[in-house]
Amino acid sequence: MSEATRTGGCQCGAVRFSIHGKLGRASICHCRMCQKAFGGFFGPLVTAPEGGLEWTRGEPKYFQSSVNIDRGFCENCGTPLTYRTPSSLEIAIGAFDERDDLAPTVQVNHAFRLPWVETIFEANIHGDVGYYARQEQIISFQHPDHDTEHWPERGLHL
C-alpha cells in the first residue's frame, strides 16, 4: 500500500480522517458481525498504520460488538468507519476518498460467507436507460470524496 497521506470519511461529512504512513492488509471479513455492521455481504477493511490515523472533523461513536472488538461509525449518517481491537485498527475501505488501489488480498472467516457470494457478479446487469437518466436527477447530500473547509449539514434530519 502507498505511504502517501490518505483521506476519507463518512457519507454525510460529519466525520473525516487523514492517515499518514503505510496501510497494512486489505481484507474482506465474512463473519456475521461484519455482515450486520456493514449491512452487506461482508466487511471490507484495511489495517491503519499504528499512530497514523488523525480525525480531522468529528470522531466516530463506538459500539462494542464483542469482548475485544468495537466498531466506529458516524452517529449522524451511520456510515461504518472502524474495526478496533486491543492491538490494531482497521478502516472501512469504502470510507476512503481514493479506493482503487485497496483491493482485498485475503478473505477472513471464509467458512461463514453467504453461499451465493461467489456468484453475485454473474447476475444480470440492469440496463434500463430511463432508470439511469432518472438517477442523474437526484440531488445528493453526500459529502464529496475530498476534504472541504465547510461541512454543509444537509440531509441529517429529514
N, C-alpha and C. Protein backbone atom coordinates (compact mmCIF):
# COMPACT_ATOMS: atom_id res chain seq x y z
N MET A 1 0.83 -1.19 0.00
CA MET A 1 0.00 0.00 0.00
C MET A 1 0.88 1.25 0.00
N SER A 2 0.35 2.31 -0.51
CA SER A 2 1.08 3.56 -0.61
C SER A 2 1.35 4.18 0.76
N GLU A 3 2.46 4.89 0.87
CA GLU A 3 2.77 5.58 2.13
C GLU A 3 2.32 7.04 2.11
N ALA A 4 1.65 7.46 1.05
CA ALA A 4 1.17 8.84 0.96
C ALA A 4 0.05 9.06 1.97
N THR A 5 -0.21 10.32 2.29
CA THR A 5 -1.33 10.65 3.15
C THR A 5 -2.62 10.33 2.42
N ARG A 6 -3.54 9.69 3.13
CA ARG A 6 -4.83 9.33 2.55
C ARG A 6 -5.92 9.93 3.40
N THR A 7 -7.02 10.30 2.76
CA THR A 7 -8.14 10.90 3.46
C THR A 7 -9.41 10.10 3.21
N GLY A 8 -10.41 10.37 4.03
CA GLY A 8 -11.70 9.73 3.87
C GLY A 8 -12.66 10.21 4.92
N GLY A 9 -13.82 9.61 4.94
CA GLY A 9 -14.82 9.99 5.92
C GLY A 9 -16.15 9.33 5.66
N CYS A 10 -17.11 9.77 6.41
CA CYS A 10 -18.46 9.19 6.34
C CYS A 10 -19.23 9.78 5.16
N GLN A 11 -20.44 9.29 4.96
CA GLN A 11 -21.26 9.74 3.85
C GLN A 11 -21.69 11.19 3.99
N CYS A 12 -22.02 11.63 5.20
CA CYS A 12 -22.53 12.99 5.36
C CYS A 12 -21.42 14.03 5.56
N GLY A 13 -20.21 13.61 5.91
CA GLY A 13 -19.12 14.55 6.10
C GLY A 13 -18.88 14.98 7.53
N ALA A 14 -19.68 14.50 8.47
CA ALA A 14 -19.51 14.90 9.87
C ALA A 14 -18.23 14.34 10.47
N VAL A 15 -17.75 13.20 9.94
CA VAL A 15 -16.51 12.58 10.41
C VAL A 15 -15.57 12.43 9.22
N ARG A 16 -14.37 13.00 9.37
CA ARG A 16 -13.34 12.90 8.33
C ARG A 16 -12.03 12.46 8.99
N PHE A 17 -11.20 11.78 8.23
CA PHE A 17 -9.92 11.31 8.75
C PHE A 17 -8.80 11.51 7.74
N SER A 18 -7.60 11.47 8.26
CA SER A 18 -6.38 11.50 7.46
C SER A 18 -5.48 10.40 8.01
N ILE A 19 -4.87 9.64 7.11
CA ILE A 19 -3.96 8.57 7.52
C ILE A 19 -2.59 8.85 6.93
N HIS A 20 -1.59 8.81 7.80
CA HIS A 20 -0.20 9.03 7.40
C HIS A 20 0.55 7.72 7.61
N GLY A 21 1.28 7.27 6.62
CA GLY A 21 2.03 6.04 6.74
C GLY A 21 1.47 4.94 5.87
N LYS A 22 2.14 3.84 5.87
CA LYS A 22 1.79 2.72 5.00
C LYS A 22 0.62 1.92 5.57
N LEU A 23 -0.40 1.74 4.75
CA LEU A 23 -1.54 0.92 5.13
C LEU A 23 -1.12 -0.55 5.13
N GLY A 24 -1.79 -1.34 5.95
CA GLY A 24 -1.50 -2.76 6.04
C GLY A 24 -2.39 -3.58 5.14
N ARG A 25 -2.74 -4.75 5.62
CA ARG A 25 -3.50 -5.74 4.87
C ARG A 25 -4.92 -5.25 4.57
N ALA A 26 -5.31 -5.37 3.32
CA ALA A 26 -6.70 -5.13 2.93
C ALA A 26 -7.41 -6.48 2.88
N SER A 27 -8.60 -6.55 3.47
CA SER A 27 -9.29 -7.83 3.57
C SER A 27 -10.79 -7.65 3.45
N ILE A 28 -11.48 -8.77 3.28
CA ILE A 28 -12.92 -8.80 3.47
C ILE A 28 -13.19 -9.87 4.52
N CYS A 29 -14.08 -9.54 5.45
CA CYS A 29 -14.43 -10.47 6.51
C CYS A 29 -15.87 -10.91 6.31
N HIS A 30 -16.07 -12.22 6.32
CA HIS A 30 -17.39 -12.81 6.08
C HIS A 30 -18.16 -13.12 7.35
N CYS A 31 -17.64 -12.76 8.53
CA CYS A 31 -18.34 -13.12 9.77
C CYS A 31 -19.69 -12.40 9.85
N ARG A 32 -20.58 -12.96 10.64
CA ARG A 32 -21.93 -12.39 10.76
C ARG A 32 -21.89 -10.99 11.36
N MET A 33 -20.97 -10.74 12.29
CA MET A 33 -20.89 -9.40 12.88
C MET A 33 -20.54 -8.36 11.81
N CYS A 34 -19.60 -8.68 10.92
CA CYS A 34 -19.25 -7.74 9.85
C CYS A 34 -20.41 -7.57 8.87
N GLN A 35 -21.11 -8.65 8.56
CA GLN A 35 -22.27 -8.54 7.68
C GLN A 35 -23.29 -7.56 8.26
N LYS A 36 -23.56 -7.69 9.55
CA LYS A 36 -24.53 -6.80 10.18
C LYS A 36 -24.01 -5.38 10.33
N ALA A 37 -22.73 -5.24 10.73
CA ALA A 37 -22.16 -3.90 10.94
C ALA A 37 -22.13 -3.10 9.64
N PHE A 38 -21.86 -3.76 8.51
CA PHE A 38 -21.79 -3.07 7.23
C PHE A 38 -23.12 -3.11 6.47
N GLY A 39 -24.05 -3.93 6.94
CA GLY A 39 -25.31 -4.06 6.22
C GLY A 39 -25.09 -4.64 4.84
N GLY A 40 -24.10 -5.50 4.72
CA GLY A 40 -23.75 -6.05 3.41
C GLY A 40 -23.34 -7.50 3.48
N PHE A 41 -22.73 -7.97 2.41
CA PHE A 41 -22.35 -9.37 2.30
C PHE A 41 -21.10 -9.71 3.08
N PHE A 42 -20.26 -8.70 3.36
CA PHE A 42 -19.01 -8.87 4.09
C PHE A 42 -18.52 -7.50 4.53
N GLY A 43 -17.48 -7.48 5.34
CA GLY A 43 -16.88 -6.23 5.78
C GLY A 43 -15.55 -6.00 5.10
N PRO A 44 -15.43 -4.97 4.24
CA PRO A 44 -14.16 -4.65 3.58
C PRO A 44 -13.33 -3.69 4.45
N LEU A 45 -12.13 -4.13 4.85
CA LEU A 45 -11.32 -3.36 5.80
C LEU A 45 -9.86 -3.34 5.39
N VAL A 46 -9.15 -2.30 5.81
CA VAL A 46 -7.70 -2.22 5.62
C VAL A 46 -7.08 -1.74 6.93
N THR A 47 -5.95 -2.32 7.30
CA THR A 47 -5.30 -2.01 8.56
C THR A 47 -4.61 -0.65 8.48
N ALA A 48 -4.88 0.20 9.46
CA ALA A 48 -4.25 1.52 9.54
C ALA A 48 -2.88 1.39 10.20
N PRO A 49 -1.92 2.24 9.82
CA PRO A 49 -0.62 2.19 10.49
C PRO A 49 -0.75 2.65 11.94
N GLU A 50 0.01 2.04 12.82
CA GLU A 50 -0.05 2.39 14.24
C GLU A 50 0.30 3.87 14.42
N GLY A 51 -0.59 4.61 15.05
CA GLY A 51 -0.38 6.03 15.29
C GLY A 51 -0.53 6.91 14.07
N GLY A 52 -1.00 6.34 12.95
CA GLY A 52 -1.08 7.11 11.72
C GLY A 52 -2.42 7.73 11.41
N LEU A 53 -3.43 7.48 12.25
CA LEU A 53 -4.77 7.99 11.99
C LEU A 53 -5.02 9.28 12.76
N GLU A 54 -5.54 10.27 12.05
CA GLU A 54 -5.93 11.54 12.67
C GLU A 54 -7.37 11.84 12.25
N TRP A 55 -8.22 12.11 13.23
CA TRP A 55 -9.60 12.53 12.94
C TRP A 55 -9.56 14.02 12.67
N THR A 56 -9.91 14.46 11.47
CA THR A 56 -9.80 15.86 11.08
C THR A 56 -11.12 16.62 11.19
N ARG A 57 -12.22 15.91 11.27
CA ARG A 57 -13.52 16.54 11.54
C ARG A 57 -14.37 15.52 12.30
N GLY A 58 -14.77 15.87 13.48
CA GLY A 58 -15.57 14.96 14.28
C GLY A 58 -14.80 13.70 14.64
N GLU A 59 -15.48 12.78 15.27
CA GLU A 59 -14.93 11.46 15.60
C GLU A 59 -16.06 10.46 15.59
N PRO A 60 -15.74 9.22 15.34
CA PRO A 60 -16.81 8.22 15.35
C PRO A 60 -17.31 7.93 16.76
N LYS A 61 -18.51 7.42 16.82
CA LYS A 61 -19.05 6.82 18.04
C LYS A 61 -18.75 5.34 17.93
N TYR A 62 -18.75 4.64 19.06
CA TYR A 62 -18.35 3.24 19.06
C TYR A 62 -19.42 2.34 19.64
N PHE A 63 -19.52 1.15 19.07
CA PHE A 63 -20.37 0.08 19.55
C PHE A 63 -19.47 -1.12 19.83
N GLN A 64 -19.52 -1.65 21.04
CA GLN A 64 -18.71 -2.82 21.37
C GLN A 64 -19.46 -4.05 20.87
N SER A 65 -18.95 -4.66 19.79
CA SER A 65 -19.65 -5.78 19.17
C SER A 65 -19.25 -7.13 19.74
N SER A 66 -18.15 -7.19 20.48
CA SER A 66 -17.75 -8.42 21.16
C SER A 66 -16.77 -8.04 22.27
N VAL A 67 -16.29 -9.03 22.99
CA VAL A 67 -15.46 -8.75 24.16
C VAL A 67 -14.20 -7.94 23.83
N ASN A 68 -13.60 -8.14 22.66
CA ASN A 68 -12.36 -7.45 22.31
C ASN A 68 -12.47 -6.52 21.10
N ILE A 69 -13.67 -6.31 20.60
CA ILE A 69 -13.82 -5.55 19.36
C ILE A 69 -14.87 -4.46 19.55
N ASP A 70 -14.52 -3.26 19.08
CA ASP A 70 -15.57 -2.25 18.94
C ASP A 70 -15.50 -1.68 17.54
N ARG A 71 -16.62 -1.14 17.13
CA ARG A 71 -16.78 -0.65 15.76
C ARG A 71 -17.19 0.81 15.79
N GLY A 72 -16.46 1.62 15.03
CA GLY A 72 -16.74 3.05 14.97
C GLY A 72 -17.63 3.38 13.79
N PHE A 73 -18.52 4.35 13.99
CA PHE A 73 -19.46 4.74 12.95
C PHE A 73 -19.82 6.21 13.14
N CYS A 74 -20.33 6.83 12.09
CA CYS A 74 -20.82 8.21 12.21
C CYS A 74 -22.18 8.18 12.88
N GLU A 75 -22.32 8.94 13.97
CA GLU A 75 -23.60 8.95 14.67
C GLU A 75 -24.68 9.69 13.88
N ASN A 76 -24.30 10.51 12.89
CA ASN A 76 -25.29 11.25 12.11
C ASN A 76 -25.86 10.42 10.95
N CYS A 77 -24.97 9.79 10.17
CA CYS A 77 -25.45 9.08 8.98
C CYS A 77 -25.31 7.57 9.07
N GLY A 78 -24.60 7.07 10.08
CA GLY A 78 -24.49 5.64 10.29
C GLY A 78 -23.38 4.94 9.51
N THR A 79 -22.59 5.68 8.77
CA THR A 79 -21.53 5.05 7.98
C THR A 79 -20.57 4.26 8.86
N PRO A 80 -20.33 2.97 8.56
CA PRO A 80 -19.32 2.20 9.29
C PRO A 80 -17.93 2.74 8.95
N LEU A 81 -17.09 2.95 9.98
CA LEU A 81 -15.77 3.53 9.74
C LEU A 81 -14.61 2.69 10.25
N THR A 82 -14.72 2.10 11.44
CA THR A 82 -13.57 1.40 12.00
C THR A 82 -13.94 0.07 12.62
N TYR A 83 -12.92 -0.77 12.73
CA TYR A 83 -12.97 -2.05 13.43
C TYR A 83 -11.73 -2.02 14.32
N ARG A 84 -11.94 -1.95 15.64
CA ARG A 84 -10.83 -1.73 16.56
C ARG A 84 -10.71 -2.89 17.55
N THR A 85 -9.47 -3.42 17.66
CA THR A 85 -9.15 -4.45 18.64
C THR A 85 -8.11 -3.85 19.59
N PRO A 86 -7.75 -4.55 20.66
CA PRO A 86 -6.71 -4.01 21.54
C PRO A 86 -5.36 -3.80 20.84
N SER A 87 -5.11 -4.51 19.74
CA SER A 87 -3.79 -4.41 19.11
C SER A 87 -3.80 -3.80 17.71
N SER A 88 -4.97 -3.51 17.14
CA SER A 88 -4.98 -2.96 15.78
C SER A 88 -6.23 -2.13 15.51
N LEU A 89 -6.15 -1.37 14.44
CA LEU A 89 -7.28 -0.56 13.98
C LEU A 89 -7.40 -0.76 12.48
N GLU A 90 -8.60 -1.11 12.06
CA GLU A 90 -8.86 -1.24 10.63
C GLU A 90 -9.90 -0.21 10.23
N ILE A 91 -9.77 0.27 8.99
CA ILE A 91 -10.67 1.30 8.46
C ILE A 91 -11.48 0.69 7.32
N ALA A 92 -12.75 1.05 7.25
CA ALA A 92 -13.61 0.57 6.16
C ALA A 92 -13.09 1.09 4.83
N ILE A 93 -12.86 0.19 3.89
CA ILE A 93 -12.30 0.57 2.59
C ILE A 93 -13.20 1.58 1.88
N GLY A 94 -14.51 1.40 1.97
CA GLY A 94 -15.43 2.31 1.30
C GLY A 94 -15.42 3.73 1.84
N ALA A 95 -14.85 3.94 3.02
CA ALA A 95 -14.80 5.28 3.61
C ALA A 95 -13.65 6.12 3.06
N PHE A 96 -12.69 5.50 2.37
CA PHE A 96 -11.57 6.26 1.80
C PHE A 96 -12.02 7.05 0.59
N ASP A 97 -11.45 8.24 0.41
CA ASP A 97 -11.75 9.05 -0.79
C ASP A 97 -11.24 8.35 -2.04
N GLU A 98 -10.05 7.82 -1.99
CA GLU A 98 -9.45 7.09 -3.11
C GLU A 98 -9.36 5.62 -2.69
N ARG A 99 -10.04 4.76 -3.43
CA ARG A 99 -10.13 3.35 -3.04
C ARG A 99 -9.62 2.39 -4.10
N ASP A 100 -9.29 2.88 -5.27
CA ASP A 100 -8.98 2.00 -6.39
C ASP A 100 -7.84 1.02 -6.12
N ASP A 101 -6.88 1.39 -5.29
CA ASP A 101 -5.73 0.52 -5.03
C ASP A 101 -5.87 -0.26 -3.72
N LEU A 102 -7.06 -0.32 -3.16
CA LEU A 102 -7.27 -1.01 -1.88
C LEU A 102 -8.00 -2.34 -2.06
N ALA A 103 -7.66 -3.06 -3.11
CA ALA A 103 -8.28 -4.36 -3.35
C ALA A 103 -7.91 -5.34 -2.24
N PRO A 104 -8.88 -6.02 -1.67
CA PRO A 104 -8.58 -7.01 -0.62
C PRO A 104 -7.64 -8.10 -1.14
N THR A 105 -6.73 -8.51 -0.28
CA THR A 105 -5.76 -9.56 -0.62
C THR A 105 -6.02 -10.85 0.14
N VAL A 106 -6.97 -10.82 1.09
CA VAL A 106 -7.28 -12.00 1.87
C VAL A 106 -8.75 -11.95 2.31
N GLN A 107 -9.36 -13.13 2.41
CA GLN A 107 -10.70 -13.27 2.94
C GLN A 107 -10.60 -13.87 4.33
N VAL A 108 -11.27 -13.26 5.28
CA VAL A 108 -11.26 -13.72 6.66
C VAL A 108 -12.62 -14.34 6.97
N ASN A 109 -12.62 -15.38 7.81
CA ASN A 109 -13.86 -16.09 8.18
C ASN A 109 -14.61 -16.60 6.95
N HIS A 110 -13.85 -17.13 6.01
CA HIS A 110 -14.39 -17.61 4.74
C HIS A 110 -15.49 -18.66 4.92
N ALA A 111 -15.38 -19.47 5.94
CA ALA A 111 -16.38 -20.53 6.18
C ALA A 111 -17.77 -19.95 6.48
N PHE A 112 -17.84 -18.68 6.88
CA PHE A 112 -19.12 -18.06 7.22
C PHE A 112 -19.70 -17.21 6.09
N ARG A 113 -19.09 -17.26 4.91
CA ARG A 113 -19.58 -16.45 3.79
C ARG A 113 -20.98 -16.90 3.38
N LEU A 114 -21.72 -15.99 2.81
CA LEU A 114 -23.02 -16.35 2.25
C LEU A 114 -22.78 -17.29 1.07
N PRO A 115 -23.56 -18.32 0.90
CA PRO A 115 -23.26 -19.33 -0.11
C PRO A 115 -23.26 -18.79 -1.54
N TRP A 116 -23.99 -17.73 -1.81
CA TRP A 116 -24.08 -17.19 -3.16
C TRP A 116 -23.11 -16.04 -3.44
N VAL A 117 -22.30 -15.67 -2.46
CA VAL A 117 -21.41 -14.52 -2.65
C VAL A 117 -20.39 -14.76 -3.77
N GLU A 118 -20.05 -16.01 -4.02
CA GLU A 118 -19.08 -16.35 -5.07
C GLU A 118 -19.63 -16.07 -6.46
N THR A 119 -20.95 -15.99 -6.61
CA THR A 119 -21.55 -15.88 -7.94
C THR A 119 -22.34 -14.58 -8.16
N ILE A 120 -22.25 -13.63 -7.26
CA ILE A 120 -23.10 -12.43 -7.39
C ILE A 120 -22.83 -11.63 -8.66
N PHE A 121 -21.62 -11.69 -9.17
CA PHE A 121 -21.32 -10.89 -10.36
C PHE A 121 -21.72 -11.60 -11.66
N GLU A 122 -22.34 -12.75 -11.53
CA GLU A 122 -22.92 -13.43 -12.68
C GLU A 122 -24.37 -12.99 -12.90
N ALA A 123 -24.91 -12.21 -11.98
CA ALA A 123 -26.29 -11.73 -12.09
C ALA A 123 -26.43 -10.80 -13.30
N ASN A 124 -27.64 -10.71 -13.82
CA ASN A 124 -27.91 -9.82 -14.94
C ASN A 124 -27.57 -8.38 -14.57
N ILE A 125 -27.19 -7.61 -15.56
CA ILE A 125 -26.88 -6.20 -15.37
C ILE A 125 -28.10 -5.38 -15.75
N HIS A 126 -28.51 -4.49 -14.86
CA HIS A 126 -29.68 -3.62 -15.09
C HIS A 126 -29.33 -2.67 -16.22
N GLY A 127 -30.12 -2.69 -17.27
CA GLY A 127 -29.78 -1.89 -18.44
C GLY A 127 -30.83 -0.89 -18.87
N ASP A 128 -31.78 -0.54 -18.02
CA ASP A 128 -32.84 0.41 -18.36
C ASP A 128 -32.26 1.82 -18.43
N VAL A 129 -32.12 2.35 -19.63
CA VAL A 129 -31.54 3.68 -19.83
C VAL A 129 -32.35 4.75 -19.09
N GLY A 130 -33.65 4.63 -19.07
CA GLY A 130 -34.50 5.59 -18.38
C GLY A 130 -34.22 5.64 -16.89
N TYR A 131 -33.93 4.49 -16.31
CA TYR A 131 -33.60 4.43 -14.88
C TYR A 131 -32.36 5.27 -14.60
N TYR A 132 -31.33 5.11 -15.40
CA TYR A 132 -30.08 5.85 -15.19
C TYR A 132 -30.27 7.35 -15.43
N ALA A 133 -31.12 7.71 -16.36
CA ALA A 133 -31.41 9.13 -16.59
C ALA A 133 -32.11 9.72 -15.37
N ARG A 134 -33.03 8.97 -14.76
CA ARG A 134 -33.71 9.44 -13.56
C ARG A 134 -32.72 9.59 -12.39
N GLN A 135 -31.75 8.70 -12.29
CA GLN A 135 -30.75 8.77 -11.23
C GLN A 135 -29.94 10.06 -11.32
N GLU A 136 -29.70 10.54 -12.52
CA GLU A 136 -28.93 11.78 -12.70
C GLU A 136 -29.69 13.00 -12.18
N GLN A 137 -31.01 12.89 -11.98
CA GLN A 137 -31.82 14.00 -11.49
C GLN A 137 -31.82 14.10 -9.97
N ILE A 138 -31.27 13.10 -9.30
CA ILE A 138 -31.26 13.09 -7.84
C ILE A 138 -30.27 14.13 -7.32
N ILE A 139 -30.70 14.89 -6.34
CA ILE A 139 -29.83 15.86 -5.69
C ILE A 139 -29.22 15.17 -4.48
N SER A 140 -27.94 14.95 -4.51
CA SER A 140 -27.26 14.22 -3.46
C SER A 140 -26.78 15.15 -2.35
N PHE A 141 -26.95 14.72 -1.11
CA PHE A 141 -26.41 15.44 0.04
C PHE A 141 -25.14 14.77 0.54
N GLN A 142 -24.63 13.81 -0.22
CA GLN A 142 -23.42 13.09 0.18
C GLN A 142 -22.22 14.02 0.10
N HIS A 143 -21.35 13.92 1.10
CA HIS A 143 -20.13 14.72 1.13
C HIS A 143 -19.23 14.28 -0.03
N PRO A 144 -18.54 15.20 -0.70
CA PRO A 144 -17.66 14.80 -1.81
C PRO A 144 -16.46 13.99 -1.31
N ASP A 145 -15.80 13.29 -2.22
CA ASP A 145 -14.64 12.48 -1.88
C ASP A 145 -13.36 13.32 -1.82
N HIS A 146 -13.38 14.34 -0.98
CA HIS A 146 -12.20 15.16 -0.69
C HIS A 146 -12.52 16.02 0.52
N ASP A 147 -11.47 16.52 1.16
CA ASP A 147 -11.69 17.38 2.32
C ASP A 147 -12.27 18.71 1.89
N THR A 148 -13.13 19.28 2.72
CA THR A 148 -13.72 20.59 2.47
C THR A 148 -13.53 21.45 3.71
N GLU A 149 -13.46 22.74 3.51
CA GLU A 149 -13.30 23.65 4.64
C GLU A 149 -14.58 23.69 5.47
N HIS A 150 -15.72 23.67 4.79
CA HIS A 150 -17.01 23.75 5.47
C HIS A 150 -17.77 22.45 5.25
N TRP A 151 -18.58 22.11 6.22
CA TRP A 151 -19.39 20.91 6.14
C TRP A 151 -20.85 21.32 6.12
N PRO A 152 -21.52 21.22 4.96
CA PRO A 152 -22.93 21.55 4.92
C PRO A 152 -23.76 20.43 5.52
N GLU A 153 -24.46 20.71 6.59
CA GLU A 153 -25.23 19.70 7.30
C GLU A 153 -26.59 19.48 6.64
N ARG A 154 -26.58 19.03 5.39
CA ARG A 154 -27.82 18.76 4.67
C ARG A 154 -28.22 17.31 4.84
N GLY A 155 -29.49 17.08 4.85
CA GLY A 155 -29.98 15.71 4.86
C GLY A 155 -29.89 14.98 6.18
N LEU A 156 -29.53 15.67 7.26
CA LEU A 156 -29.35 14.98 8.53
C LEU A 156 -30.66 14.58 9.19
N HIS A 157 -31.62 15.44 9.18
CA HIS A 157 -32.87 15.19 9.92
C HIS A 157 -34.06 15.36 9.00
N LEU A 158 -34.23 14.42 8.11
CA LEU A 158 -35.33 14.50 7.16
C LEU A 158 -36.65 14.08 7.77
